[in-house]
Amino acid sequence: MTETIITVQGEYSAWYPAERATVAASVRTDGPGRDDVFSRAVEASDALRNLIESIHDKDAGPVTWWSSDSVRVWSERPWNNEGKQLDPVFHAAVDFTAKFMEFEALARWVESAVAIDGVAVNSIEWALTDATRTSATVEVRSRAVKDAVAKASVYAQSIGLGSVTAIALADPGMLGDPSGGGSGPQPVFARGAMRSAAFDSSGTPQVALKPEEIAVASIVDARFVAK
């Protein structure tokens, strides 16, 4: 009986609600006096640090981890529109990162953080827990293989052949088929369209604080023998 080789690509993706959030916040101050700029940055960063530490518990949350930089101070001498160099302007900055496991607590924290003079919440990155990501990855990989089998079966039936038997499975581009794109393995886990939340120091939201769903996807190249 004649055997026919069929090569296909299977894929599958699923969406899962975000379970964790990583917040990037910063303190920024500036002015003509170095001591004043530094003092205001220290005061704001201490207030923000206290706000984080008050709800930090690595096991129970809502903040499970956080970090911050030291205060950085620098100066520049701007130029006016007449080409004259002006007096120095001093800047100070401190960056903070915190991981949240409860989104209601996150929303309350953001409201309190942006009320501190000089503080801005720059972004929020949504993610899954390691356990969910692992189980989701196993599921979508399995579904991607099933999708490849279904495609190969349809191709075989369309040319009058019967069952198909897999002879190779690989990440995209690893079966040695030059027409397969050759882009190398595709990431199994990828974040979907995520909406960050950014706020200015007045507390006015620039983007809605809304947890995004996470896309977990898998692509597999497969080769079958059809009889």
C-alpha atoms as a PDB file:
ATOM      1  CA  MET A   1       0.000   0.000   0.000  1.00  0.00           C
ATOM      2  CA  THR A   2       1.323   3.438  -0.926  1.00  0.00           C
ATOM      3  CA  GLU A   3       2.347   5.646   1.977  1.00  0.00           C
ATOM      4  CA  THR A   4       2.036   9.412   1.873  1.00  0.00           C
ATOM      5  CA  ILE A   5       3.940  11.799   4.128  1.00  0.00           C
ATOM      6  CA  ILE A   6       1.861  14.661   5.514  1.00  0.00           C
ATOM      7  CA  THR A   7       3.462  17.551   7.414  1.00  0.00           C
ATOM      8  CA  VAL A   8       1.259  19.990   9.304  1.00  0.00           C
ATOM      9  CA  GLN A   9       1.384  22.567  12.049  1.00  0.00           C
ATOM     10  CA  GLY A  10      -0.933  22.278  15.025  1.00  0.00           C
ATOM     11  CA  GLU A  11      -1.766  25.158  17.316  1.00  0.00           C
ATOM     12  CA  TYR A  12      -3.945  25.965  20.274  1.00  0.00           C
ATOM     13  CA  SER A  13      -4.382  28.877  22.667  1.00  0.00           C
ATOM     14  CA  ALA A  14      -6.498  29.525  25.736  1.00  0.00           C
ATOM     15  CA  TRP A  15      -7.160  32.549  27.920  1.00  0.00           C
ATOM     16  CA  TYR A  16      -6.866  32.609  31.693  1.00  0.00           C
ATOM     17  CA  PRO A  17      -7.734  35.387  34.147  1.00  0.00           C
ATOM     18  CA  ALA A  18      -4.731  37.178  35.641  1.00  0.00           C
ATOM     19  CA  GLU A  19      -3.774  36.043  39.140  1.00  0.00           C
ATOM     20  CA  ARG A  20      -0.809  38.285  39.934  1.00  0.00           C
ATOM     21  CA  ALA A  21       0.230  41.867  39.249  1.00  0.00           C
ATOM     22  CA  THR A  22       3.656  43.507  39.265  1.00  0.00           C
ATOM     23  CA  VAL A  23       3.520  47.253  39.836  1.00  0.00           C
ATOM     24  CA  ALA A  24       6.246  49.685  38.806  1.00  0.00           C
ATOM     25  CA  ALA A  25       6.117  52.993  40.673  1.00  0.00           C
ATOM     26  CA  SER A  26       8.527  55.876  40.950  1.00  0.00           C
ATOM     27  CA  VAL A  27       9.315  59.022  42.895  1.00  0.00           C
ATOM     28  CA  ARG A  28      10.426  62.030  40.848  1.00  0.00           C
ATOM     29  CA  THR A  29      11.275  65.488  42.178  1.00  0.00           C
ATOM     30  CA  ASP A  30      13.058  68.454  40.633  1.00  0.00           C
ATOM     31  CA  GLY A  31      13.914  72.058  41.372  1.00  0.00           C
ATOM     32  CA  PRO A  32      16.690  74.641  41.610  1.00  0.00           C
ATOM     33  CA  GLY A  33      18.063  73.477  44.983  1.00  0.00           C
ATOM     34  CA  ARG A  34      19.801  70.142  45.396  1.00  0.00           C
ATOM     35  CA  ASP A  35      19.088  69.781  49.106  1.00  0.00           C
ATOM     36  CA  ASP A  36      15.389  70.556  48.680  1.00  0.00           C
ATOM     37  CA  VAL A  37      15.025  68.146  45.747  1.00  0.00           C
ATOM     38  CA  PHE A  38      16.790  65.386  47.656  1.00  0.00           C
ATOM     39  CA  SER A  39      14.769  66.005  50.821  1.00  0.00           C
ATOM     40  CA  ARG A  40      11.440  65.872  48.997  1.00  0.00           C
ATOM     41  CA  ALA A  41      12.468  62.641  47.202  1.00  0.00           C
ATOM     42  CA  VAL A  42      13.449  61.009  50.496  1.00  0.00           C
ATOM     43  CA  GLU A  43      10.200  62.081  52.140  1.00  0.00           C
ATOM     44  CA  ALA A  44       8.074  60.742  49.268  1.00  0.00           C
ATOM     45  CA  SER A  45      10.028  57.483  49.001  1.00  0.00           C
ATOM     46  CA  ASP A  46       9.746  56.903  52.765  1.00  0.00           C
ATOM     47  CA  ALA A  47       5.973  57.398  52.552  1.00  0.00           C
ATOM     48  CA  LEU A  48       5.717  55.015  49.613  1.00  0.00           C
ATOM     49  CA  ARG A  49       7.946  52.456  51.299  1.00  0.00           C
ATOM     50  CA  ASN A  50       5.805  52.560  54.438  1.00  0.00           C
ATOM     51  CA  LEU A  51       2.711  52.095  52.295  1.00  0.00           C
ATOM     52  CA  ILE A  52       4.210  48.920  50.827  1.00  0.00           C
ATOM     53  CA  GLU A  53       5.653  47.518  54.043  1.00  0.00           C
ATOM     54  CA  SER A  54       2.321  47.886  55.844  1.00  0.00           C
ATOM     55  CA  ILE A  55       0.749  45.256  53.572  1.00  0.00           C
ATOM     56  CA  HIS A  56       3.801  43.120  52.793  1.00  0.00           C
ATOM     57  CA  ASP A  57       3.692  39.428  53.674  1.00  0.00           C
ATOM     58  CA  LYS A  58       5.605  37.057  51.417  1.00  0.00           C
ATOM     59  CA  ASP A  59       3.129  34.224  52.081  1.00  0.00           C
ATOM     60  CA  ALA A  60      -0.231  35.832  52.826  1.00  0.00           C
ATOM     61  CA  GLY A  61       0.127  39.027  50.769  1.00  0.00           C
ATOM     62  CA  PRO A  62      -1.380  41.159  49.434  1.00  0.00           C
ATOM     63  CA  VAL A  63       2.165  42.296  48.624  1.00  0.00           C
ATOM     64  CA  THR A  64       4.354  39.201  48.369  1.00  0.00           C
ATOM     65  CA  TRP A  65       7.611  40.883  47.257  1.00  0.00           C
ATOM     66  CA  TRP A  66       8.958  44.366  46.684  1.00  0.00           C
ATOM     67  CA  SER A  67      12.174  46.249  46.009  1.00  0.00           C
ATOM     68  CA  SER A  68      13.385  49.825  45.668  1.00  0.00           C
ATOM     69  CA  ASP A  69      16.452  51.729  44.540  1.00  0.00           C
ATOM     70  CA  SER A  70      18.450  54.313  46.418  1.00  0.00           C
ATOM     71  CA  VAL A  71      17.741  57.971  45.748  1.00  0.00           C
ATOM     72  CA  ARG A  72      19.513  59.154  42.603  1.00  0.00           C
ATOM     73  CA  VAL A  73      20.278  62.860  42.219  1.00  0.00           C
ATOM     74  CA  TRP A  74      21.613  64.615  39.128  1.00  0.00           C
ATOM     75  CA  SER A  75      21.562  68.066  37.569  1.00  0.00           C
ATOM     76  CA  GLU A  76      21.387  69.650  34.160  1.00  0.00           C
ATOM     77  CA  ARG A  77      21.665  73.150  32.790  1.00  0.00           C
ATOM     78  CA  PRO A  78      18.890  73.731  30.250  1.00  0.00           C
ATOM     79  CA  TRP A  79      19.065  76.230  27.376  1.00  0.00           C
ATOM     80  CA  ASN A  80      16.426  78.835  26.640  1.00  0.00           C
ATOM     81  CA  ASN A  81      15.081  79.680  23.196  1.00  0.00           C
ATOM     82  CA  GLU A  82      17.711  82.404  22.835  1.00  0.00           C
ATOM     83  CA  GLY A  83      20.579  79.951  23.212  1.00  0.00           C
ATOM     84  CA  LYS A  84      21.465  81.001  26.741  1.00  0.00           C
ATOM     85  CA  GLN A  85      22.333  78.320  29.269  1.00  0.00           C
ATOM     86  CA  LEU A  86      20.222  78.646  32.395  1.00  0.00           C
ATOM     87  CA  ASP A  87      20.919  77.867  36.052  1.00  0.00           C
ATOM     88  CA  PRO A  88      21.174  74.199  37.033  1.00  0.00           C
ATOM     89  CA  VAL A  89      18.008  72.187  37.592  1.00  0.00           C
ATOM     90  CA  PHE A  90      18.325  69.287  40.004  1.00  0.00           C
ATOM     91  CA  HIS A  91      16.431  66.002  39.710  1.00  0.00           C
ATOM     92  CA  ALA A  92      15.964  63.102  42.116  1.00  0.00           C
ATOM     93  CA  ALA A  93      14.413  59.705  41.437  1.00  0.00           C
ATOM     94  CA  VAL A  94      13.642  56.435  43.208  1.00  0.00           C
ATOM     95  CA  ASP A  95      12.089  53.379  41.537  1.00  0.00           C
ATOM     96  CA  PHE A  96       9.873  50.827  43.287  1.00  0.00           C
ATOM     97  CA  THR A  97       8.560  47.404  42.230  1.00  0.00           C
ATOM     98  CA  ALA A  98       5.925  45.399  44.101  1.00  0.00           C
ATOM     99  CA  LYS A  99       4.111  42.133  43.418  1.00  0.00           C
ATOM    100  CA  PHE A 100       0.450  41.838  44.412  1.00  0.00           C
ATOM    101  CA  MET A 101      -1.692  38.727  44.798  1.00  0.00           C
ATOM    102  CA  GLU A 102      -4.951  40.582  45.550  1.00  0.00           C
ATOM    103  CA  PHE A 103      -6.324  43.059  43.032  1.00  0.00           C
ATOM    104  CA  GLU A 104      -8.706  44.871  45.389  1.00  0.00           C
ATOM    105  CA  ALA A 105      -5.768  45.641  47.648  1.00  0.00           C
ATOM    106  CA  LEU A 106      -3.821  46.724  44.576  1.00  0.00           C
ATOM    107  CA  ALA A 107      -6.512  49.234  43.601  1.00  0.00           C
ATOM    108  CA  ARG A 108      -6.582  50.703  47.116  1.00  0.00           C
ATOM    109  CA  TRP A 109      -2.793  50.877  47.196  1.00  0.00           C
ATOM    110  CA  VAL A 110      -2.656  52.704  43.844  1.00  0.00           C
ATOM    111  CA  GLU A 111      -5.133  55.301  45.107  1.00  0.00           C
ATOM    112  CA  SER A 112      -3.002  55.893  48.201  1.00  0.00           C
ATOM    113  CA  ALA A 113       0.310  55.862  46.324  1.00  0.00           C
ATOM    114  CA  VAL A 114      -0.606  58.505  43.743  1.00  0.00           C
ATOM    115  CA  ALA A 115      -1.839  60.787  46.524  1.00  0.00           C
ATOM    116  CA  ILE A 116       1.797  61.151  47.651  1.00  0.00           C
ATOM    117  CA  ASP A 117       3.422  64.213  46.096  1.00  0.00           C
ATOM    118  CA  GLY A 118       5.974  63.202  43.472  1.00  0.00           C
ATOM    119  CA  VAL A 119       4.816  59.557  43.158  1.00  0.00           C
ATOM    120  CA  ALA A 120       3.618  58.005  39.911  1.00  0.00           C
ATOM    121  CA  VAL A 121       2.461  54.454  39.193  1.00  0.00           C
ATOM    122  CA  ASN A 122       4.053  53.796  35.822  1.00  0.00           C
ATOM    123  CA  SER A 123       2.772  50.369  34.848  1.00  0.00           C
ATOM    124  CA  ILE A 124       1.044  47.199  35.997  1.00  0.00           C
ATOM    125  CA  GLU A 125       1.996  43.854  34.466  1.00  0.00           C
ATOM    126  CA  TRP A 126      -0.491  41.013  34.794  1.00  0.00           C
ATOM    127  CA  ALA A 127       0.539  37.351  35.087  1.00  0.00           C
ATOM    128  CA  LEU A 128      -0.453  33.853  36.179  1.00  0.00           C
ATOM    129  CA  THR A 129       0.900  31.888  39.113  1.00  0.00           C
ATOM    130  CA  ASP A 130       3.614  29.351  38.313  1.00  0.00           C
ATOM    131  CA  ALA A 131       1.234  26.473  39.044  1.00  0.00           C
ATOM    132  CA  THR A 132      -1.474  27.767  36.710  1.00  0.00           C
ATOM    133  CA  ARG A 133       1.028  28.557  33.979  1.00  0.00           C
ATOM    134  CA  THR A 134       2.504  25.042  34.187  1.00  0.00           C
ATOM    135  CA  SER A 135      -0.868  23.254  34.031  1.00  0.00           C
ATOM    136  CA  ALA A 136      -2.085  25.567  31.255  1.00  0.00           C
ATOM    137  CA  THR A 137       1.068  24.934  29.232  1.00  0.00           C
ATOM    138  CA  VAL A 138       0.579  21.164  29.486  1.00  0.00           C
ATOM    139  CA  GLU A 139      -3.034  21.542  28.348  1.00  0.00           C
ATOM    140  CA  VAL A 140      -2.361  23.755  25.318  1.00  0.00           C
ATOM    141  CA  ARG A 141       0.560  21.611  24.168  1.00  0.00           C
ATOM    142  CA  SER A 142      -1.682  18.551  24.249  1.00  0.00           C
ATOM    143  CA  ARG A 143      -4.411  20.407  22.360  1.00  0.00           C
ATOM    144  CA  ALA A 144      -1.904  21.622  19.761  1.00  0.00           C
ATOM    145  CA  VAL A 145      -0.856  18.025  19.040  1.00  0.00           C
ATOM    146  CA  LYS A 146      -4.517  16.994  18.734  1.00  0.00           C
ATOM    147  CA  ASP A 147      -5.040  19.863  16.299  1.00  0.00           C
ATOM    148  CA  ALA A 148      -2.137  18.582  14.191  1.00  0.00           C
ATOM    149  CA  VAL A 149      -3.631  15.069  14.148  1.00  0.00           C
ATOM    150  CA  ALA A 150      -7.009  16.446  13.075  1.00  0.00           C
ATOM    151  CA  LYS A 151      -5.446  18.464  10.253  1.00  0.00           C
ATOM    152  CA  ALA A 152      -3.417  15.517   8.997  1.00  0.00           C
ATOM    153  CA  SER A 153      -6.489  13.267   9.103  1.00  0.00           C
ATOM    154  CA  VAL A 154      -8.496  15.719   6.995  1.00  0.00           C
ATOM    155  CA  TYR A 155      -5.684  15.937   4.440  1.00  0.00           C
ATOM    156  CA  ALA A 156      -5.412  12.160   4.271  1.00  0.00           C
ATOM    157  CA  GLN A 157      -9.159  11.687   3.823  1.00  0.00           C
ATOM    158  CA  SER A 158      -9.277  14.333   1.104  1.00  0.00           C
ATOM    159  CA  ILE A 159      -6.957  12.238  -1.071  1.00  0.00           C
ATOM    160  CA  GLY A 160      -8.688   8.955  -0.316  1.00  0.00           C
ATOM    161  CA  LEU A 161      -6.386   7.647   2.393  1.00  0.00           C
ATOM    162  CA  GLY A 162      -7.312   6.361   5.832  1.00  0.00           C
ATOM    163  CA  SER A 163      -5.580   6.603   9.210  1.00  0.00           C
ATOM    164  CA  VAL A 164      -2.497   8.659   9.933  1.00  0.00           C
ATOM    165  CA  THR A 165       0.434   7.747  12.179  1.00  0.00           C
ATOM    166  CA  ALA A 166       2.758  10.355  13.655  1.00  0.00           C
ATOM    167  CA  ILE A 167       6.429   9.882  12.878  1.00  0.00           C
ATOM    168  CA  ALA A 168       7.787  13.224  14.167  1.00  0.00           C
ATOM    169  CA  LEU A 169       6.743  16.059  16.492  1.00  0.00           C
ATOM    170  CA  ALA A 170       8.787  19.210  17.020  1.00  0.00           C
ATOM    171  CA  ASP A 171       8.759  22.885  17.813  1.00  0.00           C
ATOM    172  CA  PRO A 172       8.198  25.091  14.733  1.00  0.00           C
ATOM    173  CA  GLY A 173      11.031  24.967  12.203  1.00  0.00           C
ATOM    174  CA  MET A 174      12.780  21.939  13.748  1.00  0.00           C
ATOM    175  CA  LEU A 175      11.613  19.278  11.305  1.00  0.00           C
ATOM    176  CA  GLY A 176      14.093  20.449   8.683  1.00  0.00           C
ATOM    177  CA  ASP A 177      11.423  21.627   6.247  1.00  0.00           C
ATOM    178  CA  PRO A 178      12.731  24.811   4.571  1.00  0.00           C
ATOM    179  CA  SER A 179       9.169  25.860   3.780  1.00  0.00           C
ATOM    180  CA  GLY A 180       8.219  25.693   7.452  1.00  0.00           C
ATOM    181  CA  GLY A 181       9.397  29.196   8.206  1.00  0.00           C
ATOM    182  CA  GLY A 182      12.653  28.277   9.950  1.00  0.00           C
ATOM    183  CA  SER A 183      11.986  30.819  12.675  1.00  0.00           C
ATOM    184  CA  GLY A 184      12.936  28.454  15.462  1.00  0.00           C
ATOM    185  CA  PRO A 185      10.839  27.370  18.421  1.00  0.00           C
ATOM    186  CA  GLN A 186       7.907  29.582  19.300  1.00  0.00           C
ATOM    187  CA  PRO A 187       7.269  30.542  22.929  1.00  0.00           C
ATOM    188  CA  VAL A 188       4.773  28.242  24.561  1.00  0.00           C
ATOM    189  CA  PHE A 189       3.724  30.894  27.089  1.00  0.00           C
ATOM    190  CA  ALA A 190       2.966  34.384  25.906  1.00  0.00           C
ATOM    191  CA  ARG A 191       1.124  37.195  27.555  1.00  0.00           C
ATOM    192  CA  GLY A 192      -1.894  38.373  25.685  1.00  0.00           C
ATOM    193  CA  ALA A 193      -2.946  41.929  25.107  1.00  0.00           C
ATOM    194  CA  MET A 194      -2.345  43.469  28.502  1.00  0.00           C
ATOM    195  CA  ARG A 195      -3.644  46.812  29.613  1.00  0.00           C
ATOM    196  CA  SER A 196      -1.265  48.653  31.888  1.00  0.00           C
ATOM    197  CA  ALA A 197      -2.397  51.272  34.352  1.00  0.00           C
ATOM    198  CA  ALA A 198      -0.552  54.574  34.496  1.00  0.00           C
ATOM    199  CA  PHE A 199      -1.290  57.450  36.833  1.00  0.00           C
ATOM    200  CA  ASP A 200       0.163  60.899  37.179  1.00  0.00           C
ATOM    201  CA  SER A 201       1.092  62.435  40.526  1.00  0.00           C
ATOM    202  CA  SER A 202      -2.333  64.079  40.837  1.00  0.00           C
ATOM    203  CA  GLY A 203      -3.981  60.656  40.920  1.00  0.00           C
ATOM    204  CA  THR A 204      -5.727  61.011  37.566  1.00  0.00           C
ATOM    205  CA  PRO A 205      -5.853  57.619  35.824  1.00  0.00           C
ATOM    206  CA  GLN A 206      -4.481  57.599  32.294  1.00  0.00           C
ATOM    207  CA  VAL A 207      -5.477  53.995  31.573  1.00  0.00           C
ATOM    208  CA  ALA A 208      -8.149  51.938  33.325  1.00  0.00           C
ATOM    209  CA  LEU A 209      -6.947  49.632  36.086  1.00  0.00           C
ATOM    210  CA  LYS A 210      -8.326  46.373  34.721  1.00  0.00           C
ATOM    211  CA  PRO A 211      -6.773  42.900  35.074  1.00  0.00           C
ATOM    212  CA  GLU A 212      -6.234  41.359  31.662  1.00  0.00           C
ATOM    213  CA  GLU A 213      -6.616  37.754  30.659  1.00  0.00           C
ATOM    214  CA  ILE A 214      -3.407  35.911  29.831  1.00  0.00           C
ATOM    215  CA  ALA A 215      -2.976  33.965  26.603  1.00  0.00           C
ATOM    216  CA  VAL A 216      -1.188  30.635  26.872  1.00  0.00           C
ATOM    217  CA  ALA A 217      -0.428  29.256  23.423  1.00  0.00           C
ATOM    218  CA  SER A 218       1.454  26.402  21.805  1.00  0.00           C
ATOM    219  CA  ILE A 219       2.492  25.617  18.227  1.00  0.00           C
ATOM    220  CA  VAL A 220       3.831  22.254  17.097  1.00  0.00           C
ATOM    221  CA  ASP A 221       5.104  20.897  13.776  1.00  0.00           C
ATOM    222  CA  ALA A 222       4.123  17.305  13.086  1.00  0.00           C
ATOM    223  CA  ARG A 223       4.854  14.744  10.372  1.00  0.00           C
ATOM    224  CA  PHE A 224       2.554  11.801   9.682  1.00  0.00           C
ATOM    225  CA  VAL A 225       2.412   8.733   7.473  1.00  0.00           C
ATOM    226  CA  ALA A 226      -1.007   8.211   5.843  1.00  0.00           C
ATOM    227  CA  LYS A 227      -2.067   4.888   4.320  1.00  0.00           C
END
